[in-house]
Amino acid sequence: MEFTNDLHKIWQALYSTQRPRVEEYACSDYLEGFARLALPADHIPSLDYLNGRITPRTGWRVERTAVRYTDAVPWYHKFKQRIFLVTDYMRSWAELEWTPEPDMFHDIFGHLPFLTLPHYAELEDLFAPVFLAADQEQREHIKRLAWFSTEFGMIREHGELKIFGAGLISGNAEMVNAVQGKVPIRDFTIENVIRHDKAVWEHNSVLFALDSVEQLKQELKRYFDPILEGQAHSSPA
């Protein structure tokens, strides 16, 4: 896919703003993945470039979509195939600080460094089977669990709170609010998270902190495993 010079300039402006901030505030997993992915600073990377650095490491791959905000059901069908969708939409110059829609900068800069890490890929592997097996109420809970972890989670490292979620990593305004203590931060537990709606069109009014990726996996499995077990028991022999 070909992009205009203006889109490449927006990428460059976003990259130059966010890189020093993530180097200061992002978690160690993100920084390791960022070094592995080696994103170009001055232009939007191609899918071949991205897949060449992701697929050999974790088996995940990237595809483009013209849909700006993919519905959860087709999204998780792609996740089941270990495919991460990257939109072909880029935010405008007026939205450099924050955009309510997940654009290609969010998808690539925010999410894809993590997908070079096998232990993080295992985390993403948890979501599709349980979402596709869940009922409607459970699906809403699963969306919130993903939102407040992989999109807008914080993580404790060496006594400090670091940015974990891709939405915070790729959005300057909300990242600054989080690291400056302007948003209440609570422990990430199933009970805490599922009571809070996602804030798609505005900043989140509360965020949640993990102790580690492994702790997150175990907490998610506490909710996911009974759903999967229920499906197994209801399936015909």
C-alpha atoms as a PDB file:
ATOM      1  CA  MET A   1       0.000   0.000   0.000  1.00  0.00           C
ATOM      2  CA  GLU A   2       1.300   3.462  -0.916  1.00  0.00           C
ATOM      3  CA  PHE A   3       1.060   6.386   1.521  1.00  0.00           C
ATOM      4  CA  THR A   4       1.261  10.107   0.772  1.00  0.00           C
ATOM      5  CA  ASN A   5       4.196  12.253   1.838  1.00  0.00           C
ATOM      6  CA  ASP A   6       1.879  13.987   4.301  1.00  0.00           C
ATOM      7  CA  LEU A   7       1.047  10.696   6.014  1.00  0.00           C
ATOM      8  CA  HIS A   8       4.729   9.852   6.303  1.00  0.00           C
ATOM      9  CA  LYS A   9       5.300  13.312   7.846  1.00  0.00           C
ATOM     10  CA  ILE A  10       2.554  12.686  10.409  1.00  0.00           C
ATOM     11  CA  TRP A  11       4.215   9.375  11.263  1.00  0.00           C
ATOM     12  CA  GLN A  12       7.551  11.159  11.653  1.00  0.00           C
ATOM     13  CA  ALA A  13       6.032  13.826  13.919  1.00  0.00           C
ATOM     14  CA  LEU A  14       4.313  11.228  16.107  1.00  0.00           C
ATOM     15  CA  TYR A  15       7.440   9.075  16.294  1.00  0.00           C
ATOM     16  CA  SER A  16       9.671  11.997  17.270  1.00  0.00           C
ATOM     17  CA  THR A  17       7.235  13.009  20.026  1.00  0.00           C
ATOM     18  CA  GLN A  18       6.552   9.576  21.476  1.00  0.00           C
ATOM     19  CA  ARG A  19       9.977   7.940  21.300  1.00  0.00           C
ATOM     20  CA  PRO A  20      11.610   9.961  24.101  1.00  0.00           C
ATOM     21  CA  ARG A  21       8.488   9.582  26.232  1.00  0.00           C
ATOM     22  CA  VAL A  22       8.334   5.801  25.884  1.00  0.00           C
ATOM     23  CA  GLU A  23      12.052   5.562  26.608  1.00  0.00           C
ATOM     24  CA  GLU A  24      11.316   7.279  29.925  1.00  0.00           C
ATOM     25  CA  TYR A  25       7.920   5.861  30.858  1.00  0.00           C
ATOM     26  CA  ALA A  26       7.281   2.568  29.019  1.00  0.00           C
ATOM     27  CA  CYS A  27       7.756  -0.846  30.600  1.00  0.00           C
ATOM     28  CA  SER A  28      10.826  -2.975  29.930  1.00  0.00           C
ATOM     29  CA  ASP A  29       8.924  -5.442  27.718  1.00  0.00           C
ATOM     30  CA  TYR A  30       7.869  -2.666  25.390  1.00  0.00           C
ATOM     31  CA  LEU A  31      11.396  -1.266  25.194  1.00  0.00           C
ATOM     32  CA  GLU A  32      12.812  -4.694  24.396  1.00  0.00           C
ATOM     33  CA  GLY A  33      10.210  -5.212  21.672  1.00  0.00           C
ATOM     34  CA  PHE A  34      10.756  -1.710  20.332  1.00  0.00           C
ATOM     35  CA  ALA A  35      14.456  -2.450  19.881  1.00  0.00           C
ATOM     36  CA  ARG A  36      13.648  -5.735  18.133  1.00  0.00           C
ATOM     37  CA  LEU A  37      11.089  -4.205  15.787  1.00  0.00           C
ATOM     38  CA  ALA A  38      13.388  -1.280  14.865  1.00  0.00           C
ATOM     39  CA  LEU A  39      10.644   0.929  13.477  1.00  0.00           C
ATOM     40  CA  PRO A  40      11.743   3.590  10.983  1.00  0.00           C
ATOM     41  CA  ALA A  41      11.549   7.126  12.318  1.00  0.00           C
ATOM     42  CA  ASP A  42      10.832   8.871   9.027  1.00  0.00           C
ATOM     43  CA  HIS A  43       8.241   6.732   7.216  1.00  0.00           C
ATOM     44  CA  ILE A  44       5.419   4.248   7.739  1.00  0.00           C
ATOM     45  CA  PRO A  45       6.840   0.711   7.622  1.00  0.00           C
ATOM     46  CA  SER A  46       5.532  -1.852   5.140  1.00  0.00           C
ATOM     47  CA  LEU A  47       3.795  -5.063   6.132  1.00  0.00           C
ATOM     48  CA  ASP A  48       6.717  -7.039   4.739  1.00  0.00           C
ATOM     49  CA  TYR A  49       9.068  -5.107   6.993  1.00  0.00           C
ATOM     50  CA  LEU A  50       6.891  -5.714  10.054  1.00  0.00           C
ATOM     51  CA  ASN A  51       6.187  -9.371   9.382  1.00  0.00           C
ATOM     52  CA  GLY A  52       9.868 -10.005   8.743  1.00  0.00           C
ATOM     53  CA  ARG A  53      10.576  -8.983  12.334  1.00  0.00           C
ATOM     54  CA  ILE A  54       7.491 -10.410  14.051  1.00  0.00           C
ATOM     55  CA  THR A  55       6.591 -13.736  12.444  1.00  0.00           C
ATOM     56  CA  PRO A  56       9.957 -15.507  12.863  1.00  0.00           C
ATOM     57  CA  ARG A  57       9.935 -14.645  16.565  1.00  0.00           C
ATOM     58  CA  THR A  58       6.354 -15.397  17.639  1.00  0.00           C
ATOM     59  CA  GLY A  59       4.366 -16.769  14.700  1.00  0.00           C
ATOM     60  CA  TRP A  60       2.075 -13.742  14.622  1.00  0.00           C
ATOM     61  CA  ARG A  61       1.654 -11.702  11.465  1.00  0.00           C
ATOM     62  CA  VAL A  62       0.121  -8.419  10.405  1.00  0.00           C
ATOM     63  CA  GLU A  63      -2.588  -7.687   7.841  1.00  0.00           C
ATOM     64  CA  ARG A  64      -4.071  -4.363   6.753  1.00  0.00           C
ATOM     65  CA  THR A  65      -7.741  -3.470   7.010  1.00  0.00           C
ATOM     66  CA  ALA A  66      -9.759  -0.533   5.710  1.00  0.00           C
ATOM     67  CA  VAL A  67     -12.022  -0.771   8.779  1.00  0.00           C
ATOM     68  CA  ARG A  68     -11.207   1.947  11.309  1.00  0.00           C
ATOM     69  CA  TYR A  69     -12.654   0.231  14.360  1.00  0.00           C
ATOM     70  CA  THR A  70     -12.960  -3.510  13.764  1.00  0.00           C
ATOM     71  CA  ASP A  71     -15.845  -5.214  15.556  1.00  0.00           C
ATOM     72  CA  ALA A  72     -14.710  -7.609  18.271  1.00  0.00           C
ATOM     73  CA  VAL A  73     -16.044 -10.788  16.636  1.00  0.00           C
ATOM     74  CA  PRO A  74     -14.102 -10.551  13.341  1.00  0.00           C
ATOM     75  CA  TRP A  75     -11.150  -9.129  15.321  1.00  0.00           C
ATOM     76  CA  TYR A  76     -10.967 -12.230  17.498  1.00  0.00           C
ATOM     77  CA  HIS A  77     -11.466 -14.555  14.549  1.00  0.00           C
ATOM     78  CA  LYS A  78      -8.285 -12.978  13.172  1.00  0.00           C
ATOM     79  CA  PHE A  79      -6.604 -13.302  16.563  1.00  0.00           C
ATOM     80  CA  LYS A  80      -7.408 -17.017  16.529  1.00  0.00           C
ATOM     81  CA  GLN A  81      -5.293 -17.204  13.364  1.00  0.00           C
ATOM     82  CA  ARG A  82      -2.555 -15.134  15.091  1.00  0.00           C
ATOM     83  CA  ILE A  83      -3.234 -12.195  12.776  1.00  0.00           C
ATOM     84  CA  PHE A  84      -3.088  -8.621  14.044  1.00  0.00           C
ATOM     85  CA  LEU A  85      -5.083  -6.130  11.963  1.00  0.00           C
ATOM     86  CA  VAL A  86      -3.496  -2.752  11.189  1.00  0.00           C
ATOM     87  CA  THR A  87      -5.840  -0.085   9.880  1.00  0.00           C
ATOM     88  CA  ASP A  88      -4.870   1.963   6.837  1.00  0.00           C
ATOM     89  CA  TYR A  89      -6.219   5.090   8.591  1.00  0.00           C
ATOM     90  CA  MET A  90      -3.834   7.718  10.024  1.00  0.00           C
ATOM     91  CA  ARG A  91      -4.891  10.460  12.448  1.00  0.00           C
ATOM     92  CA  SER A  92      -4.841  14.086  11.268  1.00  0.00           C
ATOM     93  CA  TRP A  93      -2.416  16.847  12.233  1.00  0.00           C
ATOM     94  CA  ALA A  94      -5.069  18.154  14.639  1.00  0.00           C
ATOM     95  CA  GLU A  95      -5.116  14.808  16.485  1.00  0.00           C
ATOM     96  CA  LEU A  96      -1.403  14.402  17.210  1.00  0.00           C
ATOM     97  CA  GLU A  97      -1.897  14.575  20.982  1.00  0.00           C
ATOM     98  CA  TRP A  98      -4.835  12.163  21.094  1.00  0.00           C
ATOM     99  CA  THR A  99      -7.248  10.381  18.775  1.00  0.00           C
ATOM    100  CA  PRO A 100     -10.334   8.390  19.798  1.00  0.00           C
ATOM    101  CA  GLU A 101      -9.904   6.015  16.859  1.00  0.00           C
ATOM    102  CA  PRO A 102      -7.085   3.473  16.762  1.00  0.00           C
ATOM    103  CA  ASP A 103      -5.018   4.536  13.761  1.00  0.00           C
ATOM    104  CA  MET A 104      -2.024   2.853  12.133  1.00  0.00           C
ATOM    105  CA  PHE A 105       0.417   4.665  14.432  1.00  0.00           C
ATOM    106  CA  HIS A 106      -1.384   3.238  17.446  1.00  0.00           C
ATOM    107  CA  ASP A 107      -1.482  -0.230  15.904  1.00  0.00           C
ATOM    108  CA  ILE A 108       2.148  -0.286  14.794  1.00  0.00           C
ATOM    109  CA  PHE A 109       3.982   1.838  17.354  1.00  0.00           C
ATOM    110  CA  GLY A 110       1.796   0.837  20.308  1.00  0.00           C
ATOM    111  CA  HIS A 111       1.066  -2.859  19.810  1.00  0.00           C
ATOM    112  CA  LEU A 112       3.538  -4.447  17.442  1.00  0.00           C
ATOM    113  CA  PRO A 113       6.751  -4.141  19.498  1.00  0.00           C
ATOM    114  CA  PHE A 114       5.116  -6.433  22.064  1.00  0.00           C
ATOM    115  CA  LEU A 115       4.353  -9.050  19.391  1.00  0.00           C
ATOM    116  CA  THR A 116       8.070  -9.688  18.916  1.00  0.00           C
ATOM    117  CA  LEU A 117       8.118 -11.183  22.452  1.00  0.00           C
ATOM    118  CA  PRO A 118       7.060 -14.846  22.827  1.00  0.00           C
ATOM    119  CA  HIS A 119       5.751 -14.477  26.390  1.00  0.00           C
ATOM    120  CA  TYR A 120       3.594 -11.517  25.334  1.00  0.00           C
ATOM    121  CA  ALA A 121       2.325 -13.374  22.266  1.00  0.00           C
ATOM    122  CA  GLU A 122       1.209 -16.126  24.653  1.00  0.00           C
ATOM    123  CA  LEU A 123      -0.828 -13.497  26.507  1.00  0.00           C
ATOM    124  CA  GLU A 124      -2.593 -12.432  23.309  1.00  0.00           C
ATOM    125  CA  ASP A 125      -3.201 -16.093  22.451  1.00  0.00           C
ATOM    126  CA  LEU A 126      -5.449 -16.364  25.522  1.00  0.00           C
ATOM    127  CA  PHE A 127      -8.152 -14.002  24.278  1.00  0.00           C
ATOM    128  CA  ALA A 128      -9.597 -15.421  21.049  1.00  0.00           C
ATOM    129  CA  PRO A 129     -10.620 -18.931  22.219  1.00  0.00           C
ATOM    130  CA  VAL A 130     -12.433 -17.653  25.281  1.00  0.00           C
ATOM    131  CA  PHE A 131     -14.075 -14.681  23.553  1.00  0.00           C
ATOM    132  CA  LEU A 132     -15.468 -16.882  20.794  1.00  0.00           C
ATOM    133  CA  ALA A 133     -16.766 -19.369  23.395  1.00  0.00           C
ATOM    134  CA  ALA A 134     -18.317 -16.726  25.668  1.00  0.00           C
ATOM    135  CA  ASP A 135     -21.879 -15.473  25.932  1.00  0.00           C
ATOM    136  CA  GLN A 136     -22.707 -11.795  25.347  1.00  0.00           C
ATOM    137  CA  GLU A 137     -22.249 -10.659  28.945  1.00  0.00           C
ATOM    138  CA  GLN A 138     -18.952 -12.523  29.226  1.00  0.00           C
ATOM    139  CA  ARG A 139     -17.777 -10.982  25.948  1.00  0.00           C
ATOM    140  CA  GLU A 140     -18.349  -7.507  27.343  1.00  0.00           C
ATOM    141  CA  HIS A 141     -16.268  -8.429  30.382  1.00  0.00           C
ATOM    142  CA  ILE A 142     -13.495  -9.843  28.181  1.00  0.00           C
ATOM    143  CA  LYS A 143     -13.412  -6.635  26.140  1.00  0.00           C
ATOM    144  CA  ARG A 144     -12.929  -4.660  29.357  1.00  0.00           C
ATOM    145  CA  LEU A 145     -10.188  -7.014  30.540  1.00  0.00           C
ATOM    146  CA  ALA A 146      -8.326  -6.505  27.256  1.00  0.00           C
ATOM    147  CA  TRP A 147      -8.968  -2.763  27.250  1.00  0.00           C
ATOM    148  CA  PHE A 148      -7.613  -2.137  30.732  1.00  0.00           C
ATOM    149  CA  SER A 149      -4.563  -4.367  30.232  1.00  0.00           C
ATOM    150  CA  THR A 150      -3.160  -4.540  26.706  1.00  0.00           C
ATOM    151  CA  GLU A 151      -4.639  -1.176  25.695  1.00  0.00           C
ATOM    152  CA  PHE A 152      -4.517   0.985  28.836  1.00  0.00           C
ATOM    153  CA  GLY A 153      -2.733  -1.023  31.506  1.00  0.00           C
ATOM    154  CA  MET A 154       0.035   0.117  33.828  1.00  0.00           C
ATOM    155  CA  ILE A 155       2.644  -2.233  35.301  1.00  0.00           C
ATOM    156  CA  ARG A 156       4.814  -2.144  38.418  1.00  0.00           C
ATOM    157  CA  GLU A 157       8.552  -2.440  37.830  1.00  0.00           C
ATOM    158  CA  HIS A 158      11.197  -1.956  40.522  1.00  0.00           C
ATOM    159  CA  GLY A 159       8.897   0.135  42.668  1.00  0.00           C
ATOM    160  CA  GLU A 160       7.728   2.364  39.807  1.00  0.00           C
ATOM    161  CA  LEU A 161       4.580   2.444  37.685  1.00  0.00           C
ATOM    162  CA  LYS A 162       5.366   2.052  34.000  1.00  0.00           C
ATOM    163  CA  ILE A 163       3.194   2.240  30.897  1.00  0.00           C
ATOM    164  CA  PHE A 164       2.064  -1.138  29.581  1.00  0.00           C
ATOM    165  CA  GLY A 165      -0.973  -0.527  27.356  1.00  0.00           C
ATOM    166  CA  ALA A 166      -0.594   0.315  23.674  1.00  0.00           C
ATOM    167  CA  GLY A 167      -3.204   3.076  23.863  1.00  0.00           C
ATOM    168  CA  LEU A 168      -1.135   4.914  26.450  1.00  0.00           C
ATOM    169  CA  ILE A 169       2.117   4.265  24.594  1.00  0.00           C
ATOM    170  CA  SER A 170       0.828   5.716  21.331  1.00  0.00           C
ATOM    171  CA  GLY A 171      -1.112   8.668  22.766  1.00  0.00           C
ATOM    172  CA  ASN A 172       0.807  11.545  24.313  1.00  0.00           C
ATOM    173  CA  ALA A 173      -1.981  13.319  26.216  1.00  0.00           C
ATOM    174  CA  GLU A 174      -3.312  10.258  28.021  1.00  0.00           C
ATOM    175  CA  MET A 175       0.190   8.949  28.720  1.00  0.00           C
ATOM    176  CA  VAL A 176       1.122  12.229  30.406  1.00  0.00           C
ATOM    177  CA  ASN A 177      -2.031  12.124  32.553  1.00  0.00           C
ATOM    178  CA  ALA A 178      -1.170   8.590  33.672  1.00  0.00           C
ATOM    179  CA  VAL A 179       2.468   9.180  34.575  1.00  0.00           C
ATOM    180  CA  GLN A 180       1.716  12.488  36.313  1.00  0.00           C
ATOM    181  CA  GLY A 181      -0.793  10.824  38.637  1.00  0.00           C
ATOM    182  CA  LYS A 182      -3.831  12.611  37.222  1.00  0.00           C
ATOM    183  CA  VAL A 183      -5.797   9.355  36.879  1.00  0.00           C
ATOM    184  CA  PRO A 184      -6.721   7.026  39.775  1.00  0.00           C
ATOM    185  CA  ILE A 185      -4.883   3.707  39.471  1.00  0.00           C
ATOM    186  CA  ARG A 186      -6.227   0.512  41.025  1.00  0.00           C
ATOM    187  CA  ASP A 187      -5.015  -3.058  41.169  1.00  0.00           C
ATOM    188  CA  PHE A 188      -5.828  -5.146  38.105  1.00  0.00           C
ATOM    189  CA  THR A 189      -8.244  -7.816  39.278  1.00  0.00           C
ATOM    190  CA  ILE A 190     -11.205  -9.343  37.506  1.00  0.00           C
ATOM    191  CA  GLU A 191     -13.611  -7.866  40.045  1.00  0.00           C
ATOM    192  CA  ASN A 192     -12.156  -4.358  39.765  1.00  0.00           C
ATOM    193  CA  VAL A 193     -11.997  -4.229  35.983  1.00  0.00           C
ATOM    194  CA  ILE A 194     -15.297  -5.685  34.816  1.00  0.00           C
ATOM    195  CA  ARG A 195     -17.248  -2.995  36.705  1.00  0.00           C
ATOM    196  CA  HIS A 196     -15.771  -0.215  34.542  1.00  0.00           C
ATOM    197  CA  ASP A 197     -16.871   0.655  31.021  1.00  0.00           C
ATOM    198  CA  LYS A 198     -14.321   1.318  28.300  1.00  0.00           C
ATOM    199  CA  ALA A 199     -13.811   5.006  27.552  1.00  0.00           C
ATOM    200  CA  VAL A 200     -13.548   5.020  23.759  1.00  0.00           C
ATOM    201  CA  TRP A 201     -14.400   8.647  22.974  1.00  0.00           C
ATOM    202  CA  GLU A 202     -12.716  10.275  25.971  1.00  0.00           C
ATOM    203  CA  HIS A 203      -9.813   9.666  28.320  1.00  0.00           C
ATOM    204  CA  ASN A 204     -10.166   6.831  30.808  1.00  0.00           C
ATOM    205  CA  SER A 205     -11.267   7.980  34.275  1.00  0.00           C
ATOM    206  CA  VAL A 206      -9.484   5.083  36.004  1.00  0.00           C
ATOM    207  CA  LEU A 207      -6.554   2.828  35.104  1.00  0.00           C
ATOM    208  CA  PHE A 208      -5.356  -0.510  36.471  1.00  0.00           C
ATOM    209  CA  ALA A 209      -1.888  -1.712  37.406  1.00  0.00           C
ATOM    210  CA  LEU A 210      -0.433  -5.186  36.897  1.00  0.00           C
ATOM    211  CA  ASP A 211       2.364  -6.739  38.916  1.00  0.00           C
ATOM    212  CA  SER A 212       3.768  -8.622  35.899  1.00  0.00           C
ATOM    213  CA  VAL A 213       2.704 -10.180  32.609  1.00  0.00           C
ATOM    214  CA  GLU A 214       2.626 -13.546  34.348  1.00  0.00           C
ATOM    215  CA  GLN A 215       0.324 -12.168  37.061  1.00  0.00           C
ATOM    216  CA  LEU A 216      -1.925 -10.791  34.303  1.00  0.00           C
ATOM    217  CA  LYS A 217      -2.072 -14.188  32.587  1.00  0.00           C
ATOM    218  CA  GLN A 218      -3.021 -15.926  35.827  1.00  0.00           C
ATOM    219  CA  GLU A 219      -5.670 -13.332  36.648  1.00  0.00           C
ATOM    220  CA  LEU A 220      -7.196 -13.635  33.168  1.00  0.00           C
ATOM    221  CA  LYS A 221      -7.210 -17.436  33.378  1.00  0.00           C
ATOM    222  CA  ARG A 222      -9.183 -17.177  36.614  1.00  0.00           C
ATOM    223  CA  TYR A 223     -12.023 -15.742  34.511  1.00  0.00           C
ATOM    224  CA  PHE A 224     -11.296 -17.486  31.205  1.00  0.00           C
ATOM    225  CA  ASP A 225     -10.850 -21.102  32.336  1.00  0.00           C
ATOM    226  CA  PRO A 226     -14.407 -21.660  33.625  1.00  0.00           C
ATOM    227  CA  ILE A 227     -15.799 -20.351  30.320  1.00  0.00           C
ATOM    228  CA  LEU A 228     -13.633 -22.732  28.326  1.00  0.00           C
ATOM    229  CA  GLU A 229     -14.449 -25.607  30.650  1.00  0.00           C
ATOM    230  CA  GLY A 230     -18.150 -24.862  30.273  1.00  0.00           C
ATOM    231  CA  GLN A 231     -17.833 -24.997  26.511  1.00  0.00           C
ATOM    232  CA  ALA A 232     -15.989 -28.311  26.697  1.00  0.00           C
ATOM    233  CA  HIS A 233     -18.704 -29.828  28.895  1.00  0.00           C
ATOM    234  CA  SER A 234     -21.488 -28.609  26.607  1.00  0.00           C
ATOM    235  CA  SER A 235     -19.862 -29.886  23.398  1.00  0.00           C
ATOM    236  CA  PRO A 236     -21.193 -33.200  22.032  1.00  0.00           C
ATOM    237  CA  ALA A 237     -18.960 -36.192  22.694  1.00  0.00           C
END
